[in-house]
N, C-alpha and C. Protein backbone atom coordinates (compact mmCIF):
# COMPACT_ATOMS: atom_id res chain seq x y z
N THR A 1 -26.27 -75.56 -34.86
CA THR A 1 -26.82 -74.56 -33.94
C THR A 1 -27.20 -75.23 -32.62
N ASP A 2 -27.53 -74.41 -31.63
CA ASP A 2 -27.95 -74.94 -30.33
C ASP A 2 -29.21 -75.77 -30.49
N ASP A 3 -30.16 -75.28 -31.29
CA ASP A 3 -31.41 -76.01 -31.47
C ASP A 3 -31.17 -77.41 -32.00
N ALA A 4 -30.34 -77.52 -33.01
CA ALA A 4 -30.05 -78.81 -33.62
C ALA A 4 -29.36 -79.73 -32.62
N ALA A 5 -28.45 -79.17 -31.82
CA ALA A 5 -27.74 -79.98 -30.82
C ALA A 5 -28.71 -80.51 -29.76
N ILE A 6 -29.63 -79.69 -29.32
CA ILE A 6 -30.61 -80.13 -28.32
C ILE A 6 -31.51 -81.21 -28.91
N ARG A 7 -31.98 -81.00 -30.13
CA ARG A 7 -32.83 -82.01 -30.75
C ARG A 7 -32.08 -83.33 -30.94
N ALA A 8 -30.81 -83.25 -31.29
CA ALA A 8 -30.02 -84.46 -31.46
C ALA A 8 -29.85 -85.19 -30.13
N LEU A 9 -29.57 -84.44 -29.08
CA LEU A 9 -29.44 -85.05 -27.75
C LEU A 9 -30.75 -85.67 -27.30
N ALA A 10 -31.85 -85.00 -27.58
CA ALA A 10 -33.18 -85.49 -27.16
C ALA A 10 -33.56 -86.78 -27.87
N ARG A 11 -33.04 -87.00 -29.08
CA ARG A 11 -33.37 -88.20 -29.84
C ARG A 11 -32.62 -89.44 -29.34
N ARG A 12 -31.61 -89.25 -28.53
CA ARG A 12 -30.82 -90.39 -28.06
C ARG A 12 -31.66 -91.28 -27.14
N PRO A 13 -31.52 -92.60 -27.29
CA PRO A 13 -32.26 -93.52 -26.43
C PRO A 13 -32.00 -93.29 -24.94
N ALA A 14 -30.78 -92.91 -24.58
CA ALA A 14 -30.46 -92.67 -23.17
C ALA A 14 -31.28 -91.51 -22.62
N ALA A 15 -31.47 -90.46 -23.43
CA ALA A 15 -32.27 -89.31 -22.99
C ALA A 15 -33.73 -89.72 -22.83
N ARG A 16 -34.23 -90.51 -23.76
CA ARG A 16 -35.62 -90.99 -23.65
C ARG A 16 -35.82 -91.81 -22.39
N ARG A 17 -34.89 -92.71 -22.13
CA ARG A 17 -35.01 -93.55 -20.93
C ARG A 17 -34.93 -92.70 -19.65
N ARG A 18 -34.01 -91.77 -19.62
CA ARG A 18 -33.77 -90.97 -18.41
C ARG A 18 -34.95 -90.06 -18.08
N TYR A 19 -35.56 -89.44 -19.09
CA TYR A 19 -36.58 -88.43 -18.83
C TYR A 19 -37.98 -88.83 -19.28
N SER A 20 -38.17 -90.05 -19.70
CA SER A 20 -39.49 -90.48 -20.15
C SER A 20 -40.53 -90.29 -19.04
N ASP A 21 -41.60 -89.59 -19.34
CA ASP A 21 -42.69 -89.32 -18.40
C ASP A 21 -42.22 -88.66 -17.11
N ALA A 22 -41.13 -87.93 -17.17
CA ALA A 22 -40.59 -87.27 -15.98
C ALA A 22 -41.52 -86.17 -15.47
N TRP A 23 -41.43 -85.91 -14.18
CA TRP A 23 -42.09 -84.77 -13.55
C TRP A 23 -40.98 -83.80 -13.19
N LEU A 24 -40.99 -82.62 -13.80
CA LEU A 24 -40.00 -81.59 -13.52
C LEU A 24 -40.62 -80.59 -12.54
N LEU A 25 -40.06 -80.51 -11.35
CA LEU A 25 -40.57 -79.61 -10.32
C LEU A 25 -39.65 -78.41 -10.20
N ILE A 26 -40.24 -77.23 -10.12
CA ILE A 26 -39.46 -75.98 -10.04
C ILE A 26 -40.26 -74.97 -9.23
N ASN A 27 -39.57 -74.23 -8.39
CA ASN A 27 -40.19 -73.08 -7.75
C ASN A 27 -39.83 -71.86 -8.59
N ARG A 28 -38.79 -71.20 -8.25
CA ARG A 28 -38.21 -70.18 -9.14
C ARG A 28 -36.95 -70.80 -9.73
N ASP A 29 -36.50 -70.27 -10.85
CA ASP A 29 -35.27 -70.81 -11.41
C ASP A 29 -34.09 -70.52 -10.48
N SER A 30 -34.20 -69.47 -9.67
CA SER A 30 -33.10 -69.03 -8.81
C SER A 30 -33.20 -69.49 -7.36
N SER A 31 -34.33 -70.07 -6.95
CA SER A 31 -34.46 -70.48 -5.55
C SER A 31 -35.47 -71.61 -5.39
N ALA A 32 -35.30 -72.34 -4.30
CA ALA A 32 -36.20 -73.44 -3.96
C ALA A 32 -37.08 -72.96 -2.80
N GLN A 33 -37.23 -73.76 -1.76
CA GLN A 33 -37.90 -73.40 -0.51
C GLN A 33 -39.37 -73.03 -0.68
N ASP A 34 -40.08 -73.71 -1.57
CA ASP A 34 -41.50 -73.44 -1.73
C ASP A 34 -42.20 -74.78 -1.99
N ASN A 35 -43.43 -74.73 -2.45
CA ASN A 35 -44.24 -75.94 -2.58
C ASN A 35 -43.63 -77.02 -3.46
N ALA A 36 -42.95 -76.64 -4.53
CA ALA A 36 -42.36 -77.65 -5.42
C ALA A 36 -41.25 -78.43 -4.70
N GLU A 37 -40.45 -77.76 -3.89
CA GLU A 37 -39.41 -78.46 -3.14
C GLU A 37 -40.03 -79.50 -2.21
N HIS A 38 -41.08 -79.14 -1.51
CA HIS A 38 -41.69 -80.07 -0.56
C HIS A 38 -42.45 -81.19 -1.27
N LEU A 39 -43.06 -80.90 -2.41
CA LEU A 39 -43.70 -81.96 -3.17
C LEU A 39 -42.66 -82.93 -3.73
N TYR A 40 -41.54 -82.39 -4.22
CA TYR A 40 -40.47 -83.26 -4.71
C TYR A 40 -40.00 -84.20 -3.61
N ARG A 41 -39.79 -83.67 -2.43
CA ARG A 41 -39.31 -84.48 -1.31
C ARG A 41 -40.32 -85.61 -1.01
N TYR A 42 -41.60 -85.28 -1.05
CA TYR A 42 -42.65 -86.28 -0.83
C TYR A 42 -42.61 -87.36 -1.91
N LEU A 43 -42.51 -86.94 -3.16
CA LEU A 43 -42.49 -87.90 -4.27
C LEU A 43 -41.32 -88.86 -4.16
N ARG A 44 -40.14 -88.36 -3.82
CA ARG A 44 -38.96 -89.22 -3.73
C ARG A 44 -39.05 -90.15 -2.53
N SER A 45 -39.81 -89.76 -1.52
CA SER A 45 -39.97 -90.60 -0.33
C SER A 45 -41.10 -91.62 -0.49
N GLU A 46 -42.23 -91.16 -1.01
CA GLU A 46 -43.45 -91.98 -1.02
C GLU A 46 -43.87 -92.50 -2.39
N ARG A 47 -43.39 -91.89 -3.46
CA ARG A 47 -43.80 -92.28 -4.81
C ARG A 47 -42.57 -92.49 -5.70
N ARG A 48 -41.79 -93.48 -5.37
CA ARG A 48 -40.56 -93.76 -6.11
C ARG A 48 -40.84 -94.15 -7.56
N ASP A 49 -42.10 -94.48 -7.87
CA ASP A 49 -42.47 -94.81 -9.24
C ASP A 49 -42.50 -93.58 -10.14
N VAL A 50 -42.53 -92.38 -9.55
CA VAL A 50 -42.55 -91.14 -10.33
C VAL A 50 -41.11 -90.73 -10.63
N ASN A 51 -40.84 -90.46 -11.89
CA ASN A 51 -39.52 -90.04 -12.35
C ASN A 51 -39.38 -88.53 -12.10
N ALA A 52 -39.13 -88.17 -10.83
CA ALA A 52 -39.12 -86.76 -10.42
C ALA A 52 -37.72 -86.15 -10.48
N TRP A 53 -37.67 -84.91 -10.97
CA TRP A 53 -36.44 -84.13 -11.03
C TRP A 53 -36.73 -82.74 -10.50
N PHE A 54 -35.75 -82.11 -9.86
CA PHE A 54 -35.94 -80.75 -9.36
C PHE A 54 -35.09 -79.80 -10.20
N VAL A 55 -35.73 -78.78 -10.76
CA VAL A 55 -35.08 -77.84 -11.66
C VAL A 55 -34.68 -76.59 -10.89
N LEU A 56 -33.43 -76.17 -11.06
CA LEU A 56 -32.90 -75.02 -10.33
C LEU A 56 -31.64 -74.54 -11.03
N ALA A 57 -31.42 -73.23 -11.02
CA ALA A 57 -30.17 -72.70 -11.57
C ALA A 57 -29.01 -73.18 -10.72
N ARG A 58 -27.96 -73.59 -11.37
CA ARG A 58 -26.78 -74.08 -10.64
C ARG A 58 -26.20 -72.98 -9.74
N SER A 59 -26.42 -71.72 -10.08
CA SER A 59 -25.89 -70.59 -9.29
C SER A 59 -26.75 -70.29 -8.06
N SER A 60 -27.86 -70.96 -7.88
CA SER A 60 -28.74 -70.71 -6.74
C SER A 60 -28.06 -71.05 -5.42
N SER A 61 -28.35 -70.27 -4.40
CA SER A 61 -27.80 -70.56 -3.07
C SER A 61 -28.40 -71.83 -2.49
N ASP A 62 -29.50 -72.33 -3.06
CA ASP A 62 -30.12 -73.58 -2.60
C ASP A 62 -29.51 -74.83 -3.24
N TRP A 63 -28.72 -74.68 -4.30
CA TRP A 63 -28.21 -75.82 -5.05
C TRP A 63 -27.45 -76.81 -4.15
N ASN A 64 -26.46 -76.33 -3.41
CA ASN A 64 -25.64 -77.22 -2.59
C ASN A 64 -26.45 -77.92 -1.51
N ARG A 65 -27.37 -77.19 -0.88
CA ARG A 65 -28.21 -77.78 0.17
C ARG A 65 -29.02 -78.94 -0.39
N LEU A 66 -29.66 -78.74 -1.54
CA LEU A 66 -30.48 -79.79 -2.14
C LEU A 66 -29.62 -80.94 -2.68
N GLN A 67 -28.45 -80.60 -3.21
CA GLN A 67 -27.55 -81.63 -3.70
C GLN A 67 -27.09 -82.53 -2.54
N GLN A 68 -26.79 -81.93 -1.40
CA GLN A 68 -26.36 -82.70 -0.23
C GLN A 68 -27.49 -83.57 0.30
N GLU A 69 -28.74 -83.14 0.10
CA GLU A 69 -29.89 -83.93 0.53
C GLU A 69 -30.20 -85.07 -0.44
N GLY A 70 -29.54 -85.06 -1.58
CA GLY A 70 -29.74 -86.14 -2.54
C GLY A 70 -30.77 -85.85 -3.61
N PHE A 71 -31.18 -84.58 -3.78
CA PHE A 71 -32.11 -84.22 -4.84
C PHE A 71 -31.50 -84.54 -6.20
N ARG A 72 -32.34 -85.00 -7.12
CA ARG A 72 -31.92 -85.17 -8.50
C ARG A 72 -32.12 -83.82 -9.18
N LEU A 73 -31.03 -83.06 -9.26
CA LEU A 73 -31.09 -81.69 -9.74
C LEU A 73 -30.86 -81.61 -11.24
N LEU A 74 -31.61 -80.72 -11.86
CA LEU A 74 -31.52 -80.46 -13.29
C LEU A 74 -31.27 -78.97 -13.44
N PRO A 75 -30.10 -78.56 -13.94
CA PRO A 75 -29.79 -77.13 -14.03
C PRO A 75 -30.69 -76.41 -15.04
N TYR A 76 -31.38 -75.38 -14.56
CA TYR A 76 -32.32 -74.62 -15.40
C TYR A 76 -31.56 -73.98 -16.57
N GLY A 77 -32.19 -74.03 -17.75
CA GLY A 77 -31.67 -73.33 -18.92
C GLY A 77 -30.55 -74.04 -19.67
N THR A 78 -30.15 -75.22 -19.21
CA THR A 78 -29.07 -75.95 -19.87
C THR A 78 -29.63 -76.85 -20.98
N TYR A 79 -28.73 -77.38 -21.80
CA TYR A 79 -29.15 -78.35 -22.81
C TYR A 79 -29.92 -79.49 -22.17
N GLU A 80 -29.39 -79.98 -21.04
CA GLU A 80 -30.02 -81.12 -20.37
C GLU A 80 -31.45 -80.78 -19.94
N TYR A 81 -31.66 -79.55 -19.50
CA TYR A 81 -32.99 -79.10 -19.12
C TYR A 81 -33.95 -79.16 -20.31
N TYR A 82 -33.51 -78.67 -21.46
CA TYR A 82 -34.36 -78.68 -22.65
C TYR A 82 -34.61 -80.10 -23.17
N VAL A 83 -33.62 -80.96 -23.02
CA VAL A 83 -33.79 -82.36 -23.38
C VAL A 83 -34.85 -82.99 -22.48
N ALA A 84 -34.77 -82.73 -21.17
CA ALA A 84 -35.77 -83.25 -20.23
C ALA A 84 -37.17 -82.73 -20.56
N LEU A 85 -37.27 -81.45 -20.91
CA LEU A 85 -38.57 -80.87 -21.28
C LEU A 85 -39.18 -81.60 -22.48
N SER A 86 -38.33 -82.04 -23.39
CA SER A 86 -38.86 -82.69 -24.60
C SER A 86 -39.43 -84.07 -24.32
N HIS A 87 -39.15 -84.64 -23.15
CA HIS A 87 -39.64 -85.98 -22.82
C HIS A 87 -40.55 -86.02 -21.59
N CYS A 88 -40.64 -84.93 -20.84
CA CYS A 88 -41.35 -84.99 -19.56
C CYS A 88 -42.88 -85.02 -19.74
N ALA A 89 -43.55 -85.47 -18.70
CA ALA A 89 -45.01 -85.51 -18.70
C ALA A 89 -45.61 -84.31 -17.97
N HIS A 90 -44.89 -83.80 -16.96
CA HIS A 90 -45.42 -82.71 -16.14
C HIS A 90 -44.34 -81.69 -15.81
N VAL A 91 -44.71 -80.42 -15.81
CA VAL A 91 -43.92 -79.35 -15.21
C VAL A 91 -44.79 -78.84 -14.07
N ILE A 92 -44.24 -78.87 -12.86
CA ILE A 92 -45.01 -78.57 -11.65
C ILE A 92 -44.28 -77.47 -10.90
N SER A 93 -44.99 -76.35 -10.64
CA SER A 93 -44.31 -75.20 -10.08
C SER A 93 -45.20 -74.37 -9.17
N SER A 94 -44.57 -73.68 -8.24
CA SER A 94 -45.28 -72.71 -7.40
C SER A 94 -45.37 -71.36 -8.11
N GLN A 95 -44.76 -71.25 -9.26
CA GLN A 95 -44.75 -70.01 -10.05
C GLN A 95 -45.27 -70.31 -11.45
N ILE A 96 -45.87 -69.31 -12.10
CA ILE A 96 -46.28 -69.51 -13.50
C ILE A 96 -45.85 -68.34 -14.39
N ASP A 97 -44.72 -67.74 -14.05
CA ASP A 97 -44.16 -66.75 -14.94
C ASP A 97 -43.70 -67.44 -16.21
N HIS A 98 -43.37 -66.64 -17.24
CA HIS A 98 -43.07 -67.20 -18.56
C HIS A 98 -41.95 -68.23 -18.55
N TYR A 99 -40.94 -68.05 -17.71
CA TYR A 99 -39.82 -68.99 -17.72
C TYR A 99 -40.21 -70.38 -17.22
N VAL A 100 -41.37 -70.48 -16.55
CA VAL A 100 -41.90 -71.78 -16.13
C VAL A 100 -43.01 -72.23 -17.07
N ALA A 101 -43.98 -71.35 -17.30
CA ALA A 101 -45.18 -71.71 -18.07
C ALA A 101 -44.90 -71.90 -19.55
N ALA A 102 -43.97 -71.15 -20.09
CA ALA A 102 -43.66 -71.25 -21.52
C ALA A 102 -42.16 -71.10 -21.73
N PRO A 103 -41.36 -71.98 -21.13
CA PRO A 103 -39.91 -71.80 -21.19
C PRO A 103 -39.33 -71.95 -22.58
N THR A 104 -40.08 -72.51 -23.48
CA THR A 104 -39.55 -72.74 -24.82
C THR A 104 -40.23 -71.87 -25.87
N ALA A 105 -41.15 -71.03 -25.47
CA ALA A 105 -41.88 -70.22 -26.45
C ALA A 105 -40.92 -69.32 -27.24
N ASP A 106 -39.95 -68.74 -26.55
CA ASP A 106 -39.02 -67.87 -27.25
C ASP A 106 -37.61 -68.47 -27.21
N ARG A 107 -37.54 -69.77 -26.98
CA ARG A 107 -36.25 -70.44 -26.84
C ARG A 107 -36.07 -71.51 -27.89
N ARG A 108 -35.53 -72.64 -27.50
CA ARG A 108 -35.05 -73.62 -28.44
C ARG A 108 -36.08 -74.61 -28.96
N LEU A 109 -37.02 -74.99 -28.15
CA LEU A 109 -37.98 -76.02 -28.54
C LEU A 109 -39.38 -75.53 -28.28
N ARG A 110 -40.33 -76.04 -29.00
CA ARG A 110 -41.71 -75.69 -28.69
C ARG A 110 -42.21 -76.57 -27.55
N LYS A 111 -43.26 -76.15 -26.88
CA LYS A 111 -43.84 -76.96 -25.82
C LYS A 111 -44.31 -78.28 -26.41
N THR A 112 -43.91 -79.37 -25.77
CA THR A 112 -44.34 -80.68 -26.24
C THR A 112 -45.58 -81.08 -25.45
N GLY A 113 -45.78 -82.33 -25.17
CA GLY A 113 -47.02 -82.78 -24.55
C GLY A 113 -47.11 -82.67 -23.06
N TRP A 114 -46.18 -81.99 -22.40
CA TRP A 114 -46.24 -81.93 -20.95
C TRP A 114 -47.38 -81.06 -20.44
N ARG A 115 -47.82 -81.40 -19.23
CA ARG A 115 -48.91 -80.67 -18.57
C ARG A 115 -48.32 -79.74 -17.52
N LEU A 116 -48.92 -78.57 -17.35
CA LEU A 116 -48.45 -77.58 -16.38
C LEU A 116 -49.35 -77.60 -15.16
N SER A 117 -48.77 -77.89 -14.00
CA SER A 117 -49.50 -77.85 -12.74
C SER A 117 -48.99 -76.69 -11.91
N PHE A 118 -49.92 -75.82 -11.49
CA PHE A 118 -49.59 -74.62 -10.72
C PHE A 118 -49.89 -74.88 -9.25
N LEU A 119 -48.83 -75.02 -8.46
CA LEU A 119 -48.98 -75.29 -7.03
C LEU A 119 -49.31 -74.03 -6.23
N GLN A 120 -49.10 -72.90 -6.81
CA GLN A 120 -49.24 -71.60 -6.18
C GLN A 120 -48.17 -71.39 -5.11
N HIS A 121 -47.98 -70.13 -4.78
CA HIS A 121 -47.06 -69.75 -3.73
C HIS A 121 -47.84 -69.40 -2.46
N GLY A 122 -49.03 -68.85 -2.66
CA GLY A 122 -49.87 -68.46 -1.53
C GLY A 122 -51.33 -68.56 -1.92
N VAL A 123 -52.19 -68.35 -0.95
CA VAL A 123 -53.63 -68.40 -1.19
C VAL A 123 -54.03 -67.21 -2.05
N THR A 124 -54.80 -67.46 -3.10
CA THR A 124 -55.27 -66.39 -3.98
C THR A 124 -56.48 -65.74 -3.33
N LYS A 125 -56.32 -64.50 -2.88
CA LYS A 125 -57.42 -63.80 -2.21
C LYS A 125 -58.00 -62.69 -3.09
N ASP A 126 -57.22 -62.20 -4.04
CA ASP A 126 -57.68 -61.15 -4.94
C ASP A 126 -57.98 -61.75 -6.31
N ASP A 127 -58.68 -61.02 -7.13
CA ASP A 127 -59.00 -61.49 -8.48
C ASP A 127 -57.77 -61.39 -9.37
N LEU A 128 -57.17 -62.52 -9.65
CA LEU A 128 -56.01 -62.60 -10.53
C LEU A 128 -56.37 -63.24 -11.87
N SER A 129 -57.65 -63.23 -12.19
CA SER A 129 -58.12 -63.94 -13.38
C SER A 129 -57.50 -63.41 -14.68
N ARG A 130 -57.29 -62.12 -14.79
CA ARG A 130 -56.73 -61.58 -16.03
C ARG A 130 -55.33 -62.11 -16.28
N TRP A 131 -54.59 -62.36 -15.22
CA TRP A 131 -53.24 -62.91 -15.33
C TRP A 131 -53.28 -64.43 -15.48
N ILE A 132 -54.01 -65.11 -14.60
CA ILE A 132 -54.06 -66.57 -14.59
C ILE A 132 -54.73 -67.13 -15.84
N ASN A 133 -55.79 -66.48 -16.32
CA ASN A 133 -56.51 -66.99 -17.50
C ASN A 133 -55.65 -67.07 -18.75
N GLN A 134 -54.57 -66.28 -18.80
CA GLN A 134 -53.68 -66.29 -19.96
C GLN A 134 -52.65 -67.41 -19.93
N LYS A 135 -52.55 -68.09 -18.80
CA LYS A 135 -51.53 -69.12 -18.63
C LYS A 135 -52.04 -70.48 -19.09
N PRO A 136 -51.15 -71.32 -19.62
CA PRO A 136 -51.57 -72.65 -20.11
C PRO A 136 -51.64 -73.68 -18.97
N ILE A 137 -52.44 -73.39 -17.95
CA ILE A 137 -52.52 -74.22 -16.75
C ILE A 137 -53.43 -75.43 -17.00
N ASP A 138 -52.90 -76.61 -16.71
CA ASP A 138 -53.69 -77.83 -16.78
C ASP A 138 -54.29 -78.17 -15.42
N LEU A 139 -53.59 -77.78 -14.34
CA LEU A 139 -54.06 -78.04 -12.99
C LEU A 139 -53.56 -76.94 -12.08
N MET A 140 -54.46 -76.41 -11.25
CA MET A 140 -54.10 -75.41 -10.24
C MET A 140 -54.64 -75.90 -8.91
N ILE A 141 -53.79 -75.88 -7.89
CA ILE A 141 -54.27 -76.31 -6.58
C ILE A 141 -54.74 -75.11 -5.78
N THR A 142 -55.70 -75.35 -4.91
CA THR A 142 -56.17 -74.33 -3.98
C THR A 142 -56.05 -74.87 -2.56
N VAL A 143 -56.22 -73.96 -1.59
CA VAL A 143 -55.93 -74.30 -0.20
C VAL A 143 -57.17 -74.30 0.69
N THR A 144 -58.11 -73.44 0.38
CA THR A 144 -59.31 -73.34 1.22
C THR A 144 -60.56 -73.51 0.36
N PRO A 145 -61.66 -73.94 0.97
CA PRO A 145 -62.92 -74.05 0.20
C PRO A 145 -63.35 -72.72 -0.43
N ASP A 146 -63.20 -71.61 0.29
CA ASP A 146 -63.57 -70.31 -0.28
C ASP A 146 -62.72 -69.95 -1.49
N GLU A 147 -61.43 -70.23 -1.41
CA GLU A 147 -60.55 -69.96 -2.55
C GLU A 147 -60.94 -70.83 -3.74
N GLN A 148 -61.20 -72.10 -3.50
CA GLN A 148 -61.61 -73.02 -4.56
C GLN A 148 -62.89 -72.51 -5.23
N GLU A 149 -63.85 -72.10 -4.44
CA GLU A 149 -65.12 -71.60 -4.97
C GLU A 149 -64.90 -70.32 -5.78
N SER A 150 -64.00 -69.44 -5.31
CA SER A 150 -63.77 -68.18 -6.02
C SER A 150 -63.09 -68.39 -7.36
N ILE A 151 -62.40 -69.51 -7.54
CA ILE A 151 -61.69 -69.79 -8.78
C ILE A 151 -62.48 -70.71 -9.70
N ALA A 152 -63.06 -71.77 -9.15
CA ALA A 152 -63.70 -72.78 -9.99
C ALA A 152 -65.22 -72.84 -9.84
N GLY A 153 -65.77 -71.94 -9.04
CA GLY A 153 -67.23 -71.94 -8.87
C GLY A 153 -67.96 -71.36 -10.06
N ASP A 154 -69.25 -71.40 -10.02
CA ASP A 154 -70.06 -70.82 -11.08
C ASP A 154 -69.92 -69.30 -11.10
N TYR A 155 -69.89 -68.73 -12.29
CA TYR A 155 -69.93 -67.29 -12.51
C TYR A 155 -68.72 -66.55 -11.95
N THR A 156 -67.56 -67.20 -11.90
CA THR A 156 -66.34 -66.50 -11.50
C THR A 156 -65.67 -65.95 -12.75
N PRO A 157 -64.74 -65.01 -12.60
CA PRO A 157 -64.04 -64.49 -13.78
C PRO A 157 -62.95 -65.43 -14.31
N TYR A 158 -62.70 -66.53 -13.61
CA TYR A 158 -61.67 -67.47 -14.04
C TYR A 158 -62.22 -68.45 -15.08
N VAL A 159 -61.33 -68.89 -15.97
CA VAL A 159 -61.74 -69.88 -16.97
C VAL A 159 -61.56 -71.30 -16.44
N LEU A 160 -60.99 -71.45 -15.28
CA LEU A 160 -60.75 -72.77 -14.68
C LEU A 160 -62.03 -73.31 -14.06
N THR A 161 -62.21 -74.62 -14.18
CA THR A 161 -63.36 -75.29 -13.58
C THR A 161 -62.84 -76.26 -12.52
N THR A 162 -63.72 -77.03 -11.93
CA THR A 162 -63.28 -78.03 -10.95
C THR A 162 -62.45 -79.13 -11.60
N ARG A 163 -62.46 -79.17 -12.90
CA ARG A 163 -61.61 -80.14 -13.61
C ARG A 163 -60.15 -79.68 -13.59
N GLU A 164 -59.91 -78.38 -13.64
CA GLU A 164 -58.55 -77.85 -13.66
C GLU A 164 -58.09 -77.30 -12.31
N SER A 165 -59.00 -77.11 -11.39
CA SER A 165 -58.65 -76.56 -10.08
C SER A 165 -59.08 -77.53 -8.99
N ARG A 166 -58.14 -77.90 -8.12
CA ARG A 166 -58.43 -78.89 -7.08
C ARG A 166 -58.04 -78.36 -5.71
N LEU A 167 -58.90 -78.61 -4.75
CA LEU A 167 -58.65 -78.24 -3.36
C LEU A 167 -57.80 -79.32 -2.71
N THR A 168 -56.51 -79.05 -2.53
CA THR A 168 -55.59 -80.05 -1.98
C THR A 168 -54.82 -79.55 -0.77
N GLY A 169 -54.67 -78.24 -0.63
CA GLY A 169 -53.74 -77.70 0.36
C GLY A 169 -52.35 -77.60 -0.24
N PHE A 170 -51.42 -77.05 0.54
CA PHE A 170 -50.05 -76.84 0.06
C PHE A 170 -49.11 -77.92 0.57
N PRO A 171 -48.19 -78.40 -0.27
CA PRO A 171 -47.18 -79.34 0.22
C PRO A 171 -46.36 -78.77 1.38
N ARG A 172 -46.05 -77.49 1.35
CA ARG A 172 -45.25 -76.94 2.44
C ARG A 172 -46.04 -76.89 3.74
N HIS A 173 -47.37 -76.77 3.67
CA HIS A 173 -48.19 -76.83 4.88
C HIS A 173 -48.18 -78.25 5.45
N ASP A 174 -48.21 -79.25 4.57
CA ASP A 174 -48.11 -80.64 5.03
C ASP A 174 -46.79 -80.85 5.77
N ARG A 175 -45.72 -80.26 5.25
CA ARG A 175 -44.40 -80.37 5.88
C ARG A 175 -44.42 -79.70 7.26
N LEU A 176 -45.04 -78.53 7.36
CA LEU A 176 -45.13 -77.85 8.66
C LEU A 176 -45.92 -78.69 9.67
N LEU A 177 -47.01 -79.28 9.21
CA LEU A 177 -47.82 -80.12 10.08
C LEU A 177 -47.02 -81.32 10.58
N ALA A 178 -46.29 -81.96 9.68
CA ALA A 178 -45.46 -83.11 10.07
C ALA A 178 -44.38 -82.70 11.07
N MET A 179 -43.78 -81.55 10.84
CA MET A 179 -42.76 -81.07 11.78
C MET A 179 -43.38 -80.75 13.13
N GLY A 180 -44.60 -80.20 13.13
CA GLY A 180 -45.29 -79.90 14.38
C GLY A 180 -45.61 -81.15 15.17
N GLU A 181 -46.05 -82.19 14.45
CA GLU A 181 -46.35 -83.45 15.12
C GLU A 181 -45.09 -84.09 15.68
N LYS A 182 -43.98 -83.92 14.99
CA LYS A 182 -42.70 -84.47 15.43
C LYS A 182 -42.22 -83.79 16.71
N HIS A 183 -42.57 -82.52 16.85
CA HIS A 183 -42.13 -81.74 18.01
C HIS A 183 -43.31 -81.38 18.91
N ALA A 184 -44.23 -82.30 19.07
CA ALA A 184 -45.45 -82.05 19.85
C ALA A 184 -45.15 -81.71 21.30
N ASP A 185 -43.99 -82.12 21.80
CA ASP A 185 -43.63 -81.81 23.19
C ASP A 185 -43.36 -80.32 23.40
N ASP A 186 -43.05 -79.61 22.31
CA ASP A 186 -42.78 -78.18 22.40
C ASP A 186 -44.10 -77.40 22.35
N ALA A 187 -44.97 -77.64 23.32
CA ALA A 187 -46.33 -77.08 23.31
C ALA A 187 -46.33 -75.56 23.42
N ASN A 188 -45.24 -74.99 23.88
CA ASN A 188 -45.20 -73.52 24.06
C ASN A 188 -44.60 -72.80 22.84
N LEU A 189 -44.44 -73.52 21.77
CA LEU A 189 -43.86 -72.95 20.56
C LEU A 189 -44.93 -72.21 19.76
N LEU A 190 -44.65 -70.98 19.38
CA LEU A 190 -45.57 -70.17 18.58
C LEU A 190 -44.93 -69.90 17.24
N LEU A 191 -45.61 -70.23 16.16
CA LEU A 191 -45.11 -70.03 14.81
C LEU A 191 -45.75 -68.79 14.21
N ILE A 192 -44.91 -67.84 13.80
CA ILE A 192 -45.41 -66.63 13.14
C ILE A 192 -44.87 -66.65 11.71
N MET A 193 -45.80 -66.49 10.75
CA MET A 193 -45.42 -66.55 9.34
C MET A 193 -45.83 -65.26 8.62
N PRO A 194 -45.03 -64.21 8.74
CA PRO A 194 -45.39 -62.97 8.04
C PRO A 194 -45.25 -63.14 6.53
N THR A 195 -46.03 -62.40 5.80
CA THR A 195 -45.93 -62.43 4.35
C THR A 195 -46.06 -61.01 3.83
N TRP A 196 -45.83 -60.84 2.55
CA TRP A 196 -45.94 -59.51 1.97
C TRP A 196 -47.39 -59.22 1.67
């Protein structure tokens, strides 16, 4: 069966060496262009000691762009993806839907010892505790002091504490800042970032 084949592949020494303590970064299975993409880029540039991989569906319109940039891509939902999950240390994502937070709950393998880090997609301004509290989050990042307090402060509806929630800012904001500093001569440039 598929399950047996994945387990057999995962037991191979080559698979252990390749994915041991890996960090699997994913935004959506179908697209990149969010915090996980920018964190991956930082890790490959500044933290070569981290065994980082970027997870994405091969059919994504972002696949070729990231492949040309030299990303170590791991096709979502493939045998290789499940083998990597069985050896990785972290799954890091801007999303926490079931296909990221519990990709193996109804699939081939059970969740092993990896930790789930939620980078978020945007600043949490509304009470999302009923949704977030159900997720197996080991670490959630926040962007502003008020957001951090609303999630990890005393008497909030969230189950997360300052141990699981950290005020770090967004990797994509760091990228925007770096790009702004690079183009400091363009003082008349105005950036508008509409959102839903």
